[in-house]
């Protein structure tokens, strides 16, 4: 895939997507701040087709 580089975050986002997780889900860290489960990750649709 020369047209679009794939990051580890994209791979993780794709795995979470396949497991049924909503990528907009946020978790709370120990200090109480919301954290995205995959900040900046995008599902790799090319491998799912």
PDB file of N, CA and C in Angstrom:
ATOM      1  N   UNK A   1       0.832  -1.182   0.000  1.00  0.00           N
ATOM      2  CA  UNK A   1       0.000   0.000   0.000  1.00  0.00           C
ATOM      3  C   UNK A   1       0.880   1.250   0.000  1.00  0.00           C
ATOM      4  N   UNK A   2       1.310   1.600  -1.123  1.00  0.00           N
ATOM      5  CA  UNK A   2       2.164   2.767  -1.259  1.00  0.00           C
ATOM      6  C   UNK A   2       1.345   4.046  -1.162  1.00  0.00           C
ATOM      7  N   UNK A   3       0.098   3.991  -1.584  1.00  0.00           N
ATOM      8  CA  UNK A   3      -0.751   5.183  -1.597  1.00  0.00           C
ATOM      9  C   UNK A   3      -1.071   5.685  -0.194  1.00  0.00           C
ATOM     10  N   UNK A   4      -1.210   4.779   0.739  1.00  0.00           N
ATOM     11  CA  UNK A   4      -1.596   5.164   2.095  1.00  0.00           C
ATOM     12  C   UNK A   4      -0.761   4.398   3.103  1.00  0.00           C
ATOM     13  N   UNK A   5       0.146   5.073   3.787  1.00  0.00           N
ATOM     14  CA  UNK A   5       0.922   4.376   4.817  1.00  0.00           C
ATOM     15  C   UNK A   5       0.010   3.913   5.955  1.00  0.00           C
ATOM     16  N   UNK A   6       0.338   2.782   6.529  1.00  0.00           N
ATOM     17  CA  UNK A   6      -0.465   2.210   7.606  1.00  0.00           C
ATOM     18  C   UNK A   6       0.344   2.264   8.895  1.00  0.00           C
ATOM     19  N   UNK A   7      -0.277   2.808   9.935  1.00  0.00           N
ATOM     20  CA  UNK A   7       0.400   2.916  11.224  1.00  0.00           C
ATOM     21  C   UNK A   7      -0.071   1.799  12.156  1.00  0.00           C
ATOM     22  N   UNK A   8       0.663   1.564  13.226  1.00  0.00           N
ATOM     23  CA  UNK A   8       0.207   0.592  14.227  1.00  0.00           C
ATOM     24  C   UNK A   8      -1.164   0.966  14.807  1.00  0.00           C
ATOM     25  N   UNK A   9      -1.451   2.265  14.903  1.00  0.00           N
ATOM     26  CA  UNK A   9      -2.766   2.697  15.394  1.00  0.00           C
ATOM     27  C   UNK A   9      -3.869   2.256  14.452  1.00  0.00           C
ATOM     28  N   UNK A  10      -3.596   2.264  13.139  1.00  0.00           N
ATOM     29  CA  UNK A  10      -4.581   1.809  12.164  1.00  0.00           C
ATOM     30  C   UNK A  10      -4.847   0.318  12.308  1.00  0.00           C
ATOM     31  N   UNK A  11      -3.797  -0.447  12.540  1.00  0.00           N
ATOM     32  CA  UNK A  11      -3.959  -1.896  12.733  1.00  0.00           C
ATOM     33  C   UNK A  11      -4.784  -2.153  13.995  1.00  0.00           C
ATOM     34  N   UNK A  12      -4.482  -1.450  15.061  1.00  0.00           N
ATOM     35  CA  UNK A  12      -5.226  -1.616  16.307  1.00  0.00           C
ATOM     36  C   UNK A  12      -6.689  -1.190  16.136  1.00  0.00           C
ATOM     37  N   UNK A  13      -6.924  -0.100  15.424  1.00  0.00           N
ATOM     38  CA  UNK A  13      -8.300   0.355  15.167  1.00  0.00           C
ATOM     39  C   UNK A  13      -9.065  -0.690  14.368  1.00  0.00           C
ATOM     40  N   UNK A  14      -8.406  -1.331  13.426  1.00  0.00           N
ATOM     41  CA  UNK A  14      -9.054  -2.369  12.619  1.00  0.00           C
ATOM     42  C   UNK A  14      -9.397  -3.575  13.472  1.00  0.00           C
ATOM     43  N   UNK A  15      -8.493  -3.971  14.350  1.00  0.00           N
ATOM     44  CA  UNK A  15      -8.759  -5.109  15.239  1.00  0.00           C
ATOM     45  C   UNK A  15      -9.936  -4.796  16.161  1.00  0.00           C
ATOM     46  N   UNK A  16      -9.940  -3.614  16.763  1.00  0.00           N
ATOM     47  CA  UNK A  16     -11.061  -3.227  17.630  1.00  0.00           C
ATOM     48  C   UNK A  16     -12.372  -3.195  16.851  1.00  0.00           C
ATOM     49  N   UNK A  17     -12.327  -2.713  15.625  1.00  0.00           N
ATOM     50  CA  UNK A  17     -13.527  -2.673  14.780  1.00  0.00           C
ATOM     51  C   UNK A  17     -14.063  -4.096  14.549  1.00  0.00           C
ATOM     52  N   UNK A  18     -13.164  -5.018  14.239  1.00  0.00           N
ATOM     53  CA  UNK A  18     -13.573  -6.399  13.999  1.00  0.00           C
ATOM     54  C   UNK A  18     -14.102  -7.074  15.256  1.00  0.00           C
ATOM     55  N   UNK A  19     -13.647  -6.621  16.411  1.00  0.00           N
ATOM     56  CA  UNK A  19     -14.147  -7.158  17.674  1.00  0.00           C
ATOM     57  C   UNK A  19     -15.468  -6.519  18.106  1.00  0.00           C
ATOM     58  N   UNK A  20     -15.882  -5.478  17.378  1.00  0.00           N
ATOM     59  CA  UNK A  20     -17.167  -4.857  17.662  1.00  0.00           C
ATOM     60  C   UNK A  20     -17.104  -3.617  18.534  1.00  0.00           C
ATOM     61  N   UNK A  21     -15.914  -3.112  18.800  1.00  0.00           N
ATOM     62  CA  UNK A  21     -15.792  -1.901  19.617  1.00  0.00           C
ATOM     63  C   UNK A  21     -16.047  -0.659  18.770  1.00  0.00           C
ATOM     64  N   UNK A  22     -16.700   0.321  19.364  1.00  0.00           N
ATOM     65  CA  UNK A  22     -16.882   1.615  18.726  1.00  0.00           C
ATOM     66  C   UNK A  22     -15.600   2.410  18.922  1.00  0.00           C
ATOM     67  N   UNK A  23     -15.023   2.902  17.834  1.00  0.00           N
ATOM     68  CA  UNK A  23     -13.744   3.606  17.926  1.00  0.00           C
ATOM     69  C   UNK A  23     -13.864   4.964  18.598  1.00  0.00           C
ATOM     70  N   UNK A  24     -15.067   5.435  18.795  1.00  0.00           N
ATOM     71  CA  UNK A  24     -15.282   6.698  19.500  1.00  0.00           C
ATOM     72  C   UNK A  24     -15.356   6.502  21.011  1.00  0.00           C
ATOM     73  N   UNK A  25     -15.218   5.262  21.464  1.00  0.00           N
ATOM     74  CA  UNK A  25     -15.276   4.948  22.883  1.00  0.00           C
ATOM     75  C   UNK A  25     -14.118   5.608  23.622  1.00  0.00           C
ATOM     76  N   UNK A  26     -14.410   6.145  24.788  1.00  0.00           N
ATOM     77  CA  UNK A  26     -13.359   6.709  25.627  1.00  0.00           C
ATOM     78  C   UNK A  26     -13.333   5.967  26.959  1.00  0.00           C
ATOM     79  N   UNK A  27     -12.148   5.827  27.484  1.00  0.00           N
ATOM     80  CA  UNK A  27     -11.944   5.222  28.792  1.00  0.00           C
ATOM     81  C   UNK A  27     -11.387   6.292  29.716  1.00  0.00           C
ATOM     82  N   UNK A  28     -11.593   6.135  30.995  1.00  0.00           N
ATOM     83  CA  UNK A  28     -11.096   7.102  31.964  1.00  0.00           C
ATOM     84  C   UNK A  28      -9.797   6.587  32.567  1.00  0.00           C
ATOM     85  N   UNK A  29      -8.762   7.435  32.551  1.00  0.00           N
ATOM     86  CA  UNK A  29      -7.491   7.014  33.144  1.00  0.00           C
ATOM     87  C   UNK A  29      -7.532   7.188  34.657  1.00  0.00           C
ATOM     88  N   UNK A  30      -6.438   6.925  35.317  1.00  0.00           N
ATOM     89  CA  UNK A  30      -6.396   6.955  36.784  1.00  0.00           C
ATOM     90  C   UNK A  30      -6.632   8.336  37.369  1.00  0.00           C
ATOM     91  N   UNK A  31      -6.389   9.365  36.577  1.00  0.00           N
ATOM     92  CA  UNK A  31      -6.568  10.725  37.065  1.00  0.00           C
ATOM     93  C   UNK A  31      -7.969  11.246  36.747  1.00  0.00           C
ATOM     94  N   UNK A  32      -8.734  10.470  35.979  1.00  0.00           N
ATOM     95  CA  UNK A  32     -10.097  10.864  35.655  1.00  0.00           C
ATOM     96  C   UNK A  32     -10.251  11.525  34.295  1.00  0.00           C
ATOM     97  N   UNK A  33      -9.176  11.549  33.489  1.00  0.00           N
ATOM     98  CA  UNK A  33      -9.236  12.153  32.162  1.00  0.00           C
ATOM     99  C   UNK A  33      -9.738  11.143  31.149  1.00  0.00           C
ATOM    100  N   UNK A  34     -10.588  11.577  30.233  1.00  0.00           N
ATOM    101  CA  UNK A  34     -11.042  10.657  29.181  1.00  0.00           C
ATOM    102  C   UNK A  34      -9.931  10.410  28.160  1.00  0.00           C
ATOM    103  N   UNK A  35      -9.753   9.156  27.786  1.00  0.00           N
ATOM    104  CA  UNK A  35      -8.743   8.771  26.804  1.00  0.00           C
ATOM    105  C   UNK A  35      -9.414   7.952  25.715  1.00  0.00           C
ATOM    106  N   UNK A  36      -9.148   8.297  24.471  1.00  0.00           N
ATOM    107  CA  UNK A  36      -9.665   7.534  23.346  1.00  0.00           C
ATOM    108  C   UNK A  36      -8.978   6.178  23.309  1.00  0.00           C
ATOM    109  N   UNK A  37      -9.698   5.130  22.879  1.00  0.00           N
ATOM    110  CA  UNK A  37      -9.066   3.812  22.832  1.00  0.00           C
ATOM    111  C   UNK A  37      -8.050   3.724  21.702  1.00  0.00           C
ATOM    112  N   UNK A  38      -8.253   4.470  20.621  1.00  0.00           N
ATOM    113  CA  UNK A  38      -7.294   4.501  19.519  1.00  0.00           C
ATOM    114  C   UNK A  38      -7.222   5.929  18.984  1.00  0.00           C
ATOM    115  N   UNK A  39      -6.451   6.787  19.624  1.00  0.00           N
ATOM    116  CA  UNK A  39      -6.380   8.171  19.145  1.00  0.00           C
ATOM    117  C   UNK A  39      -5.681   8.253  17.789  1.00  0.00           C
ATOM    118  N   UNK A  40      -6.407   8.734  16.800  1.00  0.00           N
ATOM    119  CA  UNK A  40      -5.833   8.921  15.476  1.00  0.00           C
ATOM    120  C   UNK A  40      -5.809   7.691  14.594  1.00  0.00           C
ATOM    121  N   UNK A  41      -6.313   6.569  15.066  1.00  0.00           N
ATOM    122  CA  UNK A  41      -6.329   5.356  14.253  1.00  0.00           C
ATOM    123  C   UNK A  41      -7.544   5.291  13.345  1.00  0.00           C
ATOM    124  N   UNK A  42      -7.349   4.755  12.155  1.00  0.00           N
ATOM    125  CA  UNK A  42      -8.434   4.602  11.173  1.00  0.00           C
ATOM    126  C   UNK A  42      -8.531   3.129  10.781  1.00  0.00           C
ATOM    127  N   UNK A  43      -9.753   2.656  10.577  1.00  0.00           N
ATOM    128  CA  UNK A  43      -9.959   1.279  10.136  1.00  0.00           C
ATOM    129  C   UNK A  43      -9.391   1.124   8.726  1.00  0.00           C
ATOM    130  N   UNK A  44      -8.663   0.052   8.492  1.00  0.00           N
ATOM    131  CA  UNK A  44      -8.093  -0.235   7.171  1.00  0.00           C
ATOM    132  C   UNK A  44      -9.143  -0.990   6.367  1.00  0.00           C
ATOM    133  N   UNK A  45      -9.942  -0.240   5.632  1.00  0.00           N
ATOM    134  CA  UNK A  45     -11.043  -0.843   4.874  1.00  0.00           C
ATOM    135  C   UNK A  45     -10.592  -1.705   3.718  1.00  0.00           C
ATOM    136  N   UNK A  46      -9.399  -1.451   3.185  1.00  0.00           N
ATOM    137  CA  UNK A  46      -8.907  -2.206   2.028  1.00  0.00           C
ATOM    138  C   UNK A  46      -8.724  -3.682   2.342  1.00  0.00           C
ATOM    139  N   UNK A  47      -8.358  -4.010   3.559  1.00  0.00           N
ATOM    140  CA  UNK A  47      -8.130  -5.413   3.893  1.00  0.00           C
ATOM    141  C   UNK A  47      -9.412  -6.125   4.315  1.00  0.00           C
ATOM    142  N   UNK A  48     -10.471  -5.347   4.531  1.00  0.00           N
ATOM    143  CA  UNK A  48     -11.741  -5.945   4.952  1.00  0.00           C
ATOM    144  C   UNK A  48     -12.641  -6.275   3.772  1.00  0.00           C
ATOM    145  N   UNK A  49     -12.338  -5.758   2.605  1.00  0.00           N
ATOM    146  CA  UNK A  49     -13.195  -5.966   1.422  1.00  0.00           C
ATOM    147  C   UNK A  49     -13.021  -7.335   0.834  1.00  0.00           C
TER     148      UNK A  49
END
